[in-house]
Amino acid sequence: MLSHYEKMRAGQWYDANYDPDILAKREAAKSRAHRFNQIDPADRKEAETALAKLLGDLPEGLEVMAPLYVDYGDNIHFGKHCFVNHACYFMDGARIEFGDHVFIGPYCGFYTAAHPLRAEARNAGLEQARPIKVGSDCWFGANVSVMPGVSIGSGSVIGAGSVVTKDIPENSLVMGVPGQVIKTIDQDQGNSFTNEP
């Protein structure tokens, strides 16, 4: 029989609120995040060490600005040269995966947790975790929310304040609540140093 933690990682319904093992793992991760968040930004070596303990590895060129919030930490996977701005939250019951060169603005949230619609099941603490996958070369403006189970294609730009509820094709400009594809980005056209179309 699978533990609730194993059920969570397998995408099955699990007890997110009352299982002692789940609660202990989440508390330990939040303690590691708290330690990272208290480090003087000038002490880059100590910050890198704390971040590696939180995430389980430290990809080349990863830069994360405190504060950072997680549920477990070890289910967040960054590619090379990613940047995470202040006050981002990664609800990583399921895997959250980023390609290379992903820029994440402040106050963004990546939420893998889904809850039952029926109050009785929800009040029993049941939850299901669905993975999020982000390709390379993506940019998230400030305060973007990415919902459970979403995949975002490489080269996409998600405008500030957008809520992404469904899969996004490569090279898409997305804006709004819910997020809508406004246009396809031609990566080979125009001046790459301006926001001109």
N, C-alpha and C. Protein backbone atom coordinates (compact mmCIF):
# COMPACT_ATOMS: atom_id res chain seq x y z
N MET A 1 0.84 -1.18 0.00
CA MET A 1 0.00 0.00 0.00
C MET A 1 0.89 1.25 0.00
N LEU A 2 0.56 2.21 -0.85
CA LEU A 2 1.36 3.42 -0.97
C LEU A 2 1.12 4.35 0.22
N SER A 3 2.20 5.01 0.64
CA SER A 3 2.05 6.06 1.64
C SER A 3 1.37 7.26 0.98
N HIS A 4 0.89 8.19 1.78
CA HIS A 4 0.27 9.39 1.22
C HIS A 4 1.28 10.21 0.42
N TYR A 5 2.53 10.21 0.87
CA TYR A 5 3.58 10.92 0.13
C TYR A 5 3.79 10.28 -1.24
N GLU A 6 3.81 8.94 -1.28
CA GLU A 6 3.95 8.23 -2.57
C GLU A 6 2.74 8.47 -3.46
N LYS A 7 1.55 8.49 -2.87
CA LYS A 7 0.35 8.81 -3.65
C LYS A 7 0.44 10.21 -4.25
N MET A 8 0.93 11.16 -3.46
CA MET A 8 1.08 12.53 -3.95
C MET A 8 2.00 12.56 -5.17
N ARG A 9 3.14 11.90 -5.07
CA ARG A 9 4.10 11.90 -6.17
C ARG A 9 3.58 11.13 -7.39
N ALA A 10 2.64 10.22 -7.17
CA ALA A 10 2.06 9.43 -8.27
C ALA A 10 0.84 10.09 -8.89
N GLY A 11 0.44 11.26 -8.38
CA GLY A 11 -0.72 11.96 -8.92
C GLY A 11 -2.06 11.42 -8.45
N GLN A 12 -2.05 10.64 -7.37
CA GLN A 12 -3.29 10.10 -6.82
C GLN A 12 -3.81 11.03 -5.72
N TRP A 13 -5.07 10.83 -5.34
CA TRP A 13 -5.62 11.59 -4.22
C TRP A 13 -4.90 11.16 -2.95
N TYR A 14 -4.55 12.12 -2.10
CA TYR A 14 -3.80 11.83 -0.88
C TYR A 14 -4.25 12.79 0.23
N ASP A 15 -3.87 12.45 1.45
CA ASP A 15 -4.21 13.27 2.61
C ASP A 15 -3.14 14.35 2.78
N ALA A 16 -3.47 15.58 2.41
CA ALA A 16 -2.51 16.68 2.47
C ALA A 16 -2.51 17.40 3.81
N ASN A 17 -3.54 17.19 4.61
CA ASN A 17 -3.70 18.01 5.82
C ASN A 17 -3.42 17.29 7.13
N TYR A 18 -3.52 15.95 7.15
CA TYR A 18 -3.47 15.25 8.43
C TYR A 18 -2.42 14.14 8.49
N ASP A 19 -1.85 13.74 7.36
CA ASP A 19 -0.87 12.66 7.37
C ASP A 19 0.43 13.15 8.02
N PRO A 20 0.92 12.47 9.07
CA PRO A 20 2.11 12.94 9.80
C PRO A 20 3.37 13.03 8.92
N ASP A 21 3.57 12.09 8.02
CA ASP A 21 4.76 12.10 7.16
C ASP A 21 4.74 13.30 6.21
N ILE A 22 3.59 13.55 5.60
CA ILE A 22 3.43 14.71 4.71
C ILE A 22 3.70 16.00 5.48
N LEU A 23 3.10 16.12 6.66
CA LEU A 23 3.26 17.33 7.45
C LEU A 23 4.71 17.54 7.86
N ALA A 24 5.41 16.46 8.22
CA ALA A 24 6.82 16.57 8.63
C ALA A 24 7.70 16.99 7.46
N LYS A 25 7.47 16.42 6.28
CA LYS A 25 8.26 16.79 5.10
C LYS A 25 8.03 18.26 4.72
N ARG A 26 6.79 18.69 4.80
CA ARG A 26 6.48 20.08 4.45
C ARG A 26 7.10 21.04 5.48
N GLU A 27 7.03 20.68 6.74
CA GLU A 27 7.61 21.53 7.79
C GLU A 27 9.13 21.63 7.63
N ALA A 28 9.79 20.51 7.32
CA ALA A 28 11.24 20.53 7.13
C ALA A 28 11.63 21.42 5.95
N ALA A 29 10.87 21.33 4.86
CA ALA A 29 11.16 22.17 3.69
C ALA A 29 10.94 23.64 4.00
N LYS A 30 9.90 23.94 4.72
CA LYS A 30 9.63 25.35 5.07
C LYS A 30 10.71 25.90 6.00
N SER A 31 11.28 25.05 6.86
CA SER A 31 12.40 25.47 7.70
C SER A 31 13.64 25.76 6.86
N ARG A 32 13.91 24.90 5.86
CA ARG A 32 15.05 25.14 4.97
C ARG A 32 14.85 26.43 4.17
N ALA A 33 13.62 26.66 3.70
CA ALA A 33 13.33 27.90 2.97
C ALA A 33 13.50 29.11 3.88
N HIS A 34 13.07 28.99 5.12
CA HIS A 34 13.22 30.09 6.07
C HIS A 34 14.69 30.43 6.27
N ARG A 35 15.54 29.40 6.40
CA ARG A 35 16.98 29.64 6.56
C ARG A 35 17.53 30.38 5.34
N PHE A 36 17.16 29.93 4.14
CA PHE A 36 17.61 30.61 2.92
C PHE A 36 17.15 32.06 2.92
N ASN A 37 15.92 32.30 3.31
CA ASN A 37 15.34 33.64 3.27
C ASN A 37 15.99 34.61 4.26
N GLN A 38 16.67 34.09 5.29
CA GLN A 38 17.29 34.95 6.31
C GLN A 38 18.74 35.30 6.01
N ILE A 39 19.32 34.74 4.97
CA ILE A 39 20.74 34.96 4.66
C ILE A 39 20.95 36.33 4.03
N ASP A 40 22.01 37.00 4.45
CA ASP A 40 22.39 38.28 3.87
C ASP A 40 22.63 38.08 2.37
N PRO A 41 21.97 38.87 1.51
CA PRO A 41 22.14 38.71 0.06
C PRO A 41 23.59 38.84 -0.40
N ALA A 42 24.42 39.53 0.37
CA ALA A 42 25.84 39.68 0.00
C ALA A 42 26.62 38.38 0.21
N ASP A 43 26.09 37.47 1.02
CA ASP A 43 26.77 36.19 1.29
C ASP A 43 26.29 35.14 0.29
N ARG A 44 26.77 35.27 -0.93
CA ARG A 44 26.30 34.41 -2.03
C ARG A 44 26.63 32.94 -1.79
N LYS A 45 27.79 32.65 -1.21
CA LYS A 45 28.20 31.26 -0.99
C LYS A 45 27.23 30.57 -0.02
N GLU A 46 26.93 31.24 1.08
CA GLU A 46 26.00 30.66 2.06
C GLU A 46 24.61 30.50 1.45
N ALA A 47 24.18 31.48 0.66
CA ALA A 47 22.87 31.39 0.01
C ALA A 47 22.81 30.22 -0.96
N GLU A 48 23.87 30.02 -1.73
CA GLU A 48 23.92 28.89 -2.68
C GLU A 48 23.86 27.56 -1.94
N THR A 49 24.58 27.45 -0.83
CA THR A 49 24.57 26.22 -0.04
C THR A 49 23.17 25.93 0.50
N ALA A 50 22.52 26.96 1.04
CA ALA A 50 21.17 26.79 1.59
C ALA A 50 20.17 26.45 0.49
N LEU A 51 20.32 27.07 -0.68
CA LEU A 51 19.41 26.80 -1.79
C LEU A 51 19.59 25.37 -2.30
N ALA A 52 20.83 24.90 -2.37
CA ALA A 52 21.10 23.52 -2.80
C ALA A 52 20.47 22.52 -1.83
N LYS A 53 20.52 22.81 -0.53
CA LYS A 53 19.88 21.93 0.46
C LYS A 53 18.37 21.92 0.30
N LEU A 54 17.81 23.05 -0.07
CA LEU A 54 16.36 23.16 -0.24
C LEU A 54 15.89 22.44 -1.50
N LEU A 55 16.58 22.67 -2.62
CA LEU A 55 16.14 22.14 -3.91
C LEU A 55 16.71 20.75 -4.22
N GLY A 56 17.78 20.38 -3.56
CA GLY A 56 18.41 19.09 -3.84
C GLY A 56 19.54 19.18 -4.84
N ASP A 57 19.56 20.21 -5.66
CA ASP A 57 20.67 20.45 -6.58
C ASP A 57 20.70 21.94 -6.91
N LEU A 58 21.77 22.37 -7.54
CA LEU A 58 21.92 23.79 -7.88
C LEU A 58 22.43 23.88 -9.31
N PRO A 59 21.52 24.04 -10.28
CA PRO A 59 21.93 24.11 -11.68
C PRO A 59 22.82 25.33 -11.94
N GLU A 60 23.61 25.24 -12.98
CA GLU A 60 24.52 26.32 -13.37
C GLU A 60 23.74 27.61 -13.62
N GLY A 61 24.20 28.69 -12.99
CA GLY A 61 23.64 30.01 -13.26
C GLY A 61 22.28 30.29 -12.63
N LEU A 62 21.79 29.42 -11.75
CA LEU A 62 20.49 29.68 -11.10
C LEU A 62 20.63 30.83 -10.11
N GLU A 63 19.74 31.81 -10.20
CA GLU A 63 19.72 32.92 -9.25
C GLU A 63 18.30 33.04 -8.70
N VAL A 64 18.20 32.98 -7.38
CA VAL A 64 16.91 33.06 -6.70
C VAL A 64 16.97 34.18 -5.67
N MET A 65 16.03 35.11 -5.76
CA MET A 65 15.96 36.22 -4.82
C MET A 65 15.02 35.84 -3.67
N ALA A 66 15.46 36.08 -2.45
CA ALA A 66 14.62 35.84 -1.29
C ALA A 66 13.56 36.95 -1.17
N PRO A 67 12.41 36.63 -0.56
CA PRO A 67 12.05 35.33 -0.02
C PRO A 67 11.53 34.37 -1.09
N LEU A 68 11.73 33.11 -0.82
CA LEU A 68 11.26 32.02 -1.67
C LEU A 68 10.37 31.12 -0.80
N TYR A 69 9.26 30.68 -1.36
CA TYR A 69 8.32 29.83 -0.62
C TYR A 69 8.09 28.53 -1.38
N VAL A 70 8.12 27.40 -0.66
CA VAL A 70 7.93 26.08 -1.27
C VAL A 70 7.08 25.23 -0.33
N ASP A 71 6.60 24.10 -0.86
CA ASP A 71 5.98 23.09 0.00
C ASP A 71 6.98 21.99 0.36
N TYR A 72 7.75 21.52 -0.63
CA TYR A 72 8.70 20.43 -0.39
C TYR A 72 10.11 20.76 -0.89
N GLY A 73 10.23 21.55 -1.93
CA GLY A 73 11.53 22.00 -2.42
C GLY A 73 12.20 21.05 -3.38
N ASP A 74 12.25 19.77 -3.04
CA ASP A 74 12.99 18.81 -3.86
C ASP A 74 12.23 18.35 -5.10
N ASN A 75 11.05 18.91 -5.32
CA ASN A 75 10.28 18.56 -6.52
C ASN A 75 10.23 19.73 -7.50
N ILE A 76 11.16 20.69 -7.32
CA ILE A 76 11.31 21.83 -8.22
C ILE A 76 12.62 21.64 -8.97
N HIS A 77 12.57 21.67 -10.29
CA HIS A 77 13.75 21.38 -11.11
C HIS A 77 13.96 22.48 -12.14
N PHE A 78 15.08 23.19 -12.01
CA PHE A 78 15.43 24.28 -12.91
C PHE A 78 16.49 23.83 -13.90
N GLY A 79 16.42 24.38 -15.12
CA GLY A 79 17.50 24.22 -16.08
C GLY A 79 18.60 25.23 -15.78
N LYS A 80 19.48 25.43 -16.74
CA LYS A 80 20.60 26.35 -16.56
C LYS A 80 20.16 27.80 -16.74
N HIS A 81 20.81 28.68 -16.00
CA HIS A 81 20.67 30.14 -16.14
C HIS A 81 19.22 30.62 -15.97
N CYS A 82 18.56 30.13 -14.95
CA CYS A 82 17.21 30.60 -14.62
C CYS A 82 17.29 31.68 -13.54
N PHE A 83 16.30 32.55 -13.53
CA PHE A 83 16.23 33.64 -12.55
C PHE A 83 14.84 33.66 -11.92
N VAL A 84 14.80 33.71 -10.59
CA VAL A 84 13.55 33.78 -9.85
C VAL A 84 13.58 35.04 -8.99
N ASN A 85 12.65 35.95 -9.22
CA ASN A 85 12.61 37.20 -8.47
C ASN A 85 11.95 36.99 -7.10
N HIS A 86 11.83 38.05 -6.34
CA HIS A 86 11.36 38.00 -4.95
C HIS A 86 9.95 37.42 -4.80
N ALA A 87 9.75 36.71 -3.69
CA ALA A 87 8.43 36.31 -3.19
C ALA A 87 7.65 35.39 -4.12
N CYS A 88 8.35 34.44 -4.74
CA CYS A 88 7.66 33.44 -5.57
C CYS A 88 7.35 32.21 -4.72
N TYR A 89 6.24 31.54 -5.09
CA TYR A 89 5.79 30.36 -4.34
C TYR A 89 5.66 29.18 -5.30
N PHE A 90 6.28 28.07 -4.91
CA PHE A 90 6.24 26.84 -5.69
C PHE A 90 5.54 25.77 -4.85
N MET A 91 4.28 25.48 -5.17
CA MET A 91 3.49 24.48 -4.47
C MET A 91 3.79 23.14 -5.14
N ASP A 92 4.88 22.51 -4.72
CA ASP A 92 5.48 21.41 -5.48
C ASP A 92 5.13 20.02 -4.95
N GLY A 93 3.85 19.76 -4.76
CA GLY A 93 3.44 18.39 -4.47
C GLY A 93 3.76 17.48 -5.64
N ALA A 94 3.56 17.98 -6.85
CA ALA A 94 3.99 17.30 -8.08
C ALA A 94 5.22 18.04 -8.61
N ARG A 95 5.86 17.43 -9.57
CA ARG A 95 7.08 18.00 -10.16
C ARG A 95 6.76 19.33 -10.86
N ILE A 96 7.61 20.33 -10.61
CA ILE A 96 7.58 21.60 -11.34
C ILE A 96 8.92 21.71 -12.05
N GLU A 97 8.88 21.70 -13.37
CA GLU A 97 10.11 21.61 -14.17
C GLU A 97 10.24 22.82 -15.09
N PHE A 98 11.44 23.41 -15.10
CA PHE A 98 11.75 24.55 -15.95
C PHE A 98 12.92 24.21 -16.86
N GLY A 99 12.85 24.67 -18.12
CA GLY A 99 13.97 24.53 -19.03
C GLY A 99 15.05 25.55 -18.71
N ASP A 100 15.93 25.80 -19.66
CA ASP A 100 17.02 26.77 -19.50
C ASP A 100 16.53 28.19 -19.77
N HIS A 101 17.20 29.15 -19.16
CA HIS A 101 16.97 30.58 -19.42
C HIS A 101 15.51 30.99 -19.19
N VAL A 102 14.96 30.60 -18.06
CA VAL A 102 13.60 31.01 -17.69
C VAL A 102 13.70 32.15 -16.69
N PHE A 103 12.99 33.25 -16.96
CA PHE A 103 12.95 34.40 -16.06
C PHE A 103 11.57 34.46 -15.41
N ILE A 104 11.56 34.51 -14.08
CA ILE A 104 10.31 34.52 -13.33
C ILE A 104 10.24 35.80 -12.51
N GLY A 105 9.23 36.63 -12.79
CA GLY A 105 9.07 37.90 -12.09
C GLY A 105 8.62 37.72 -10.65
N PRO A 106 8.58 38.82 -9.88
CA PRO A 106 8.20 38.73 -8.48
C PRO A 106 6.75 38.31 -8.29
N TYR A 107 6.50 37.66 -7.16
CA TYR A 107 5.16 37.27 -6.72
C TYR A 107 4.47 36.29 -7.66
N CYS A 108 5.24 35.49 -8.38
CA CYS A 108 4.63 34.45 -9.22
C CYS A 108 4.35 33.21 -8.38
N GLY A 109 3.34 32.45 -8.79
CA GLY A 109 3.00 31.22 -8.10
C GLY A 109 2.80 30.08 -9.09
N PHE A 110 3.37 28.93 -8.75
CA PHE A 110 3.23 27.71 -9.56
C PHE A 110 2.57 26.68 -8.64
N TYR A 111 1.31 26.36 -8.94
CA TYR A 111 0.45 25.62 -8.02
C TYR A 111 0.10 24.25 -8.60
N THR A 112 0.62 23.18 -8.00
CA THR A 112 0.31 21.84 -8.50
C THR A 112 -0.89 21.21 -7.79
N ALA A 113 -1.36 21.80 -6.70
CA ALA A 113 -2.41 21.17 -5.89
C ALA A 113 -3.80 21.43 -6.46
N ALA A 114 -4.56 20.35 -6.57
CA ALA A 114 -5.98 20.43 -6.95
C ALA A 114 -6.80 19.83 -5.81
N HIS A 115 -7.95 20.43 -5.56
CA HIS A 115 -8.81 19.99 -4.46
C HIS A 115 -10.14 19.50 -5.01
N PRO A 116 -10.83 18.61 -4.28
CA PRO A 116 -12.15 18.16 -4.72
C PRO A 116 -13.15 19.32 -4.72
N LEU A 117 -14.11 19.25 -5.62
CA LEU A 117 -15.17 20.25 -5.64
C LEU A 117 -16.17 20.03 -4.50
N ARG A 118 -16.38 18.76 -4.15
CA ARG A 118 -17.33 18.46 -3.07
C ARG A 118 -16.71 18.81 -1.72
N ALA A 119 -17.46 19.55 -0.91
CA ALA A 119 -16.95 20.05 0.37
C ALA A 119 -16.53 18.92 1.31
N GLU A 120 -17.30 17.83 1.35
CA GLU A 120 -16.99 16.74 2.28
C GLU A 120 -15.60 16.17 2.03
N ALA A 121 -15.29 15.89 0.76
CA ALA A 121 -13.96 15.35 0.42
C ALA A 121 -12.87 16.39 0.65
N ARG A 122 -13.16 17.63 0.31
CA ARG A 122 -12.18 18.71 0.50
C ARG A 122 -11.88 18.90 1.98
N ASN A 123 -12.92 18.88 2.81
CA ASN A 123 -12.74 19.07 4.25
C ASN A 123 -12.03 17.90 4.91
N ALA A 124 -12.02 16.75 4.25
CA ALA A 124 -11.28 15.59 4.76
C ALA A 124 -9.78 15.71 4.49
N GLY A 125 -9.38 16.77 3.77
CA GLY A 125 -7.95 17.00 3.51
C GLY A 125 -7.44 16.40 2.22
N LEU A 126 -8.34 15.90 1.38
CA LEU A 126 -7.89 15.27 0.14
C LEU A 126 -7.37 16.31 -0.85
N GLU A 127 -6.34 15.91 -1.58
CA GLU A 127 -5.69 16.78 -2.55
C GLU A 127 -5.07 15.89 -3.63
N GLN A 128 -4.89 16.45 -4.80
CA GLN A 128 -4.21 15.75 -5.89
C GLN A 128 -3.18 16.70 -6.47
N ALA A 129 -1.98 16.21 -6.73
CA ALA A 129 -0.91 17.05 -7.28
C ALA A 129 -0.71 16.72 -8.76
N ARG A 130 -0.73 17.78 -9.60
CA ARG A 130 -0.56 17.61 -11.04
C ARG A 130 0.66 18.42 -11.49
N PRO A 131 1.56 17.81 -12.26
CA PRO A 131 2.84 18.47 -12.60
C PRO A 131 2.68 19.68 -13.50
N ILE A 132 3.65 20.58 -13.40
CA ILE A 132 3.76 21.77 -14.25
C ILE A 132 5.08 21.67 -15.00
N LYS A 133 5.04 21.93 -16.30
CA LYS A 133 6.27 21.88 -17.11
C LYS A 133 6.39 23.15 -17.92
N VAL A 134 7.56 23.80 -17.84
CA VAL A 134 7.84 25.04 -18.55
C VAL A 134 9.07 24.81 -19.42
N GLY A 135 8.97 25.14 -20.71
CA GLY A 135 10.09 24.98 -21.62
C GLY A 135 11.18 26.01 -21.38
N SER A 136 12.16 26.04 -22.25
CA SER A 136 13.27 26.99 -22.15
C SER A 136 12.87 28.36 -22.69
N ASP A 137 13.64 29.38 -22.30
CA ASP A 137 13.52 30.74 -22.85
C ASP A 137 12.16 31.37 -22.61
N CYS A 138 11.56 31.09 -21.47
CA CYS A 138 10.26 31.69 -21.12
C CYS A 138 10.46 32.84 -20.15
N TRP A 139 9.52 33.77 -20.16
CA TRP A 139 9.54 34.92 -19.25
C TRP A 139 8.16 35.08 -18.64
N PHE A 140 8.12 35.13 -17.31
CA PHE A 140 6.88 35.34 -16.56
C PHE A 140 6.94 36.73 -15.94
N GLY A 141 5.99 37.60 -16.31
CA GLY A 141 5.90 38.90 -15.67
C GLY A 141 5.49 38.75 -14.22
N ALA A 142 5.43 39.86 -13.51
CA ALA A 142 5.09 39.84 -12.08
C ALA A 142 3.69 39.28 -11.84
N ASN A 143 3.57 38.54 -10.73
CA ASN A 143 2.26 38.11 -10.22
C ASN A 143 1.50 37.19 -11.18
N VAL A 144 2.21 36.33 -11.87
CA VAL A 144 1.59 35.32 -12.72
C VAL A 144 1.26 34.10 -11.86
N SER A 145 0.11 33.48 -12.12
CA SER A 145 -0.28 32.23 -11.47
C SER A 145 -0.38 31.13 -12.53
N VAL A 146 0.29 30.01 -12.28
CA VAL A 146 0.22 28.85 -13.17
C VAL A 146 -0.48 27.73 -12.41
N MET A 147 -1.56 27.21 -13.00
CA MET A 147 -2.43 26.25 -12.33
C MET A 147 -1.95 24.81 -12.54
N PRO A 148 -2.51 23.86 -11.77
CA PRO A 148 -2.08 22.46 -11.82
C PRO A 148 -2.18 21.85 -13.21
N GLY A 149 -1.17 21.05 -13.56
CA GLY A 149 -1.19 20.26 -14.78
C GLY A 149 -0.86 20.99 -16.05
N VAL A 150 -0.45 22.26 -15.97
CA VAL A 150 -0.21 23.08 -17.16
C VAL A 150 1.20 22.86 -17.71
N SER A 151 1.31 22.84 -19.04
CA SER A 151 2.60 22.86 -19.74
C SER A 151 2.69 24.14 -20.55
N ILE A 152 3.85 24.79 -20.52
CA ILE A 152 4.07 26.04 -21.25
C ILE A 152 5.25 25.83 -22.19
N GLY A 153 5.02 26.07 -23.48
CA GLY A 153 6.04 25.81 -24.49
C GLY A 153 7.19 26.80 -24.44
N SER A 154 8.33 26.37 -24.95
CA SER A 154 9.54 27.20 -24.98
C SER A 154 9.29 28.51 -25.71
N GLY A 155 10.00 29.56 -25.30
CA GLY A 155 9.93 30.85 -25.97
C GLY A 155 8.70 31.67 -25.65
N SER A 156 7.89 31.23 -24.70
CA SER A 156 6.65 31.95 -24.39
C SER A 156 6.88 33.06 -23.38
N VAL A 157 6.04 34.09 -23.46
CA VAL A 157 6.04 35.21 -22.53
C VAL A 157 4.65 35.30 -21.91
N ILE A 158 4.61 35.28 -20.58
CA ILE A 158 3.34 35.35 -19.86
C ILE A 158 3.26 36.72 -19.18
N GLY A 159 2.29 37.53 -19.60
CA GLY A 159 2.16 38.90 -19.12
C GLY A 159 1.81 38.98 -17.65
N ALA A 160 2.22 40.07 -17.02
CA ALA A 160 2.00 40.29 -15.59
C ALA A 160 0.53 40.13 -15.22
N GLY A 161 0.29 39.43 -14.11
CA GLY A 161 -1.05 39.26 -13.59
C GLY A 161 -1.87 38.17 -14.25
N SER A 162 -1.30 37.48 -15.23
CA SER A 162 -2.06 36.44 -15.94
C SER A 162 -2.24 35.21 -15.07
N VAL A 163 -3.33 34.48 -15.33
CA VAL A 163 -3.59 33.20 -14.68
C VAL A 163 -3.65 32.14 -15.78
N VAL A 164 -2.66 31.24 -15.78
CA VAL A 164 -2.54 30.24 -16.84
C VAL A 164 -3.24 28.97 -16.39
N THR A 165 -4.34 28.64 -17.08
CA THR A 165 -5.19 27.51 -16.69
C THR A 165 -5.13 26.35 -17.66
N LYS A 166 -4.48 26.55 -18.83
CA LYS A 166 -4.41 25.48 -19.83
C LYS A 166 -3.05 25.53 -20.51
N ASP A 167 -2.73 24.45 -21.24
CA ASP A 167 -1.44 24.36 -21.92
C ASP A 167 -1.26 25.50 -22.92
N ILE A 168 -0.01 25.96 -23.03
CA ILE A 168 0.35 27.07 -23.91
C ILE A 168 1.36 26.58 -24.94
N PRO A 169 1.10 26.83 -26.25
CA PRO A 169 2.06 26.41 -27.28
C PRO A 169 3.35 27.22 -27.20
N GLU A 170 4.38 26.73 -27.86
CA GLU A 170 5.66 27.44 -27.93
C GLU A 170 5.48 28.83 -28.51
N ASN A 171 6.36 29.74 -28.09
CA ASN A 171 6.45 31.10 -28.65
C ASN A 171 5.13 31.87 -28.59
N SER A 172 4.43 31.73 -27.48
CA SER A 172 3.14 32.42 -27.32
C SER A 172 3.28 33.61 -26.38
N LEU A 173 2.60 34.70 -26.72
CA LEU A 173 2.42 35.81 -25.80
C LEU A 173 1.06 35.62 -25.16
N VAL A 174 1.04 35.48 -23.84
CA VAL A 174 -0.18 35.18 -23.10
C VAL A 174 -0.48 36.32 -22.13
N MET A 175 -1.75 36.74 -22.10
CA MET A 175 -2.17 37.78 -21.16
C MET A 175 -3.59 37.49 -20.70
N GLY A 176 -3.90 37.94 -19.48
CA GLY A 176 -5.28 37.92 -19.03
C GLY A 176 -5.63 36.89 -17.98
N VAL A 177 -6.89 36.98 -17.56
CA VAL A 177 -7.47 36.06 -16.58
C VAL A 177 -8.78 35.55 -17.14
N PRO A 178 -8.88 34.31 -17.58
CA PRO A 178 -7.76 33.37 -17.68
C PRO A 178 -6.83 33.77 -18.82
N GLY A 179 -5.60 33.29 -18.77
CA GLY A 179 -4.60 33.63 -19.78
C GLY A 179 -5.01 33.17 -21.17
N GLN A 180 -4.90 34.07 -22.13
CA GLN A 180 -5.22 33.78 -23.53
C GLN A 180 -4.00 34.07 -24.39
N VAL A 181 -3.80 33.27 -25.44
CA VAL A 181 -2.72 33.53 -26.38
C VAL A 181 -3.11 34.75 -27.21
N ILE A 182 -2.33 35.83 -27.10
CA ILE A 182 -2.59 37.07 -27.82
C ILE A 182 -1.96 37.03 -29.21
N LYS A 183 -0.77 36.45 -29.28
CA LYS A 183 -0.10 36.33 -30.57
C LYS A 183 1.02 35.31 -30.46
N THR A 184 1.53 34.90 -31.60
CA THR A 184 2.70 34.05 -31.67
C THR A 184 3.93 34.93 -31.84
N ILE A 185 4.96 34.65 -31.06
CA ILE A 185 6.19 35.44 -31.11
C ILE A 185 7.10 34.87 -32.18
N ASP A 186 7.52 35.71 -33.12
CA ASP A 186 8.49 35.31 -34.14
C ASP A 186 9.88 35.56 -33.56
N GLN A 187 10.56 34.50 -33.16
CA GLN A 187 11.85 34.64 -32.51
C GLN A 187 12.95 35.15 -33.45
N ASP A 188 12.70 35.14 -34.75
CA ASP A 188 13.71 35.56 -35.72
C ASP A 188 13.45 36.95 -36.28
N GLN A 189 12.44 37.64 -35.79
CA GLN A 189 12.05 38.93 -36.37
C GLN A 189 12.26 40.06 -35.38
N GLY A 190 12.64 41.23 -35.87
CA GLY A 190 12.64 42.45 -35.08
C GLY A 190 13.86 42.63 -34.20
N ASN A 191 13.86 43.74 -33.50
CA ASN A 191 14.93 44.11 -32.59
C ASN A 191 14.71 43.38 -31.27
N SER A 192 15.64 42.53 -30.89
CA SER A 192 15.45 41.72 -29.69
C SER A 192 15.61 42.53 -28.41
N PHE A 193 15.96 43.82 -28.52
CA PHE A 193 16.15 44.63 -27.32
C PHE A 193 15.00 45.60 -27.05
N THR A 194 13.90 45.45 -27.77
CA THR A 194 12.73 46.30 -27.53
C THR A 194 11.50 45.42 -27.44
N ASN A 195 10.42 46.00 -27.03
CA ASN A 195 9.15 45.28 -26.98
C ASN A 195 8.30 45.56 -28.20
N GLU A 196 8.93 46.07 -29.26
CA GLU A 196 8.18 46.33 -30.48
C GLU A 196 7.74 45.02 -31.11
N PRO A 197 6.58 45.02 -31.78
CA PRO A 197 6.09 43.79 -32.42
C PRO A 197 6.98 43.35 -33.57
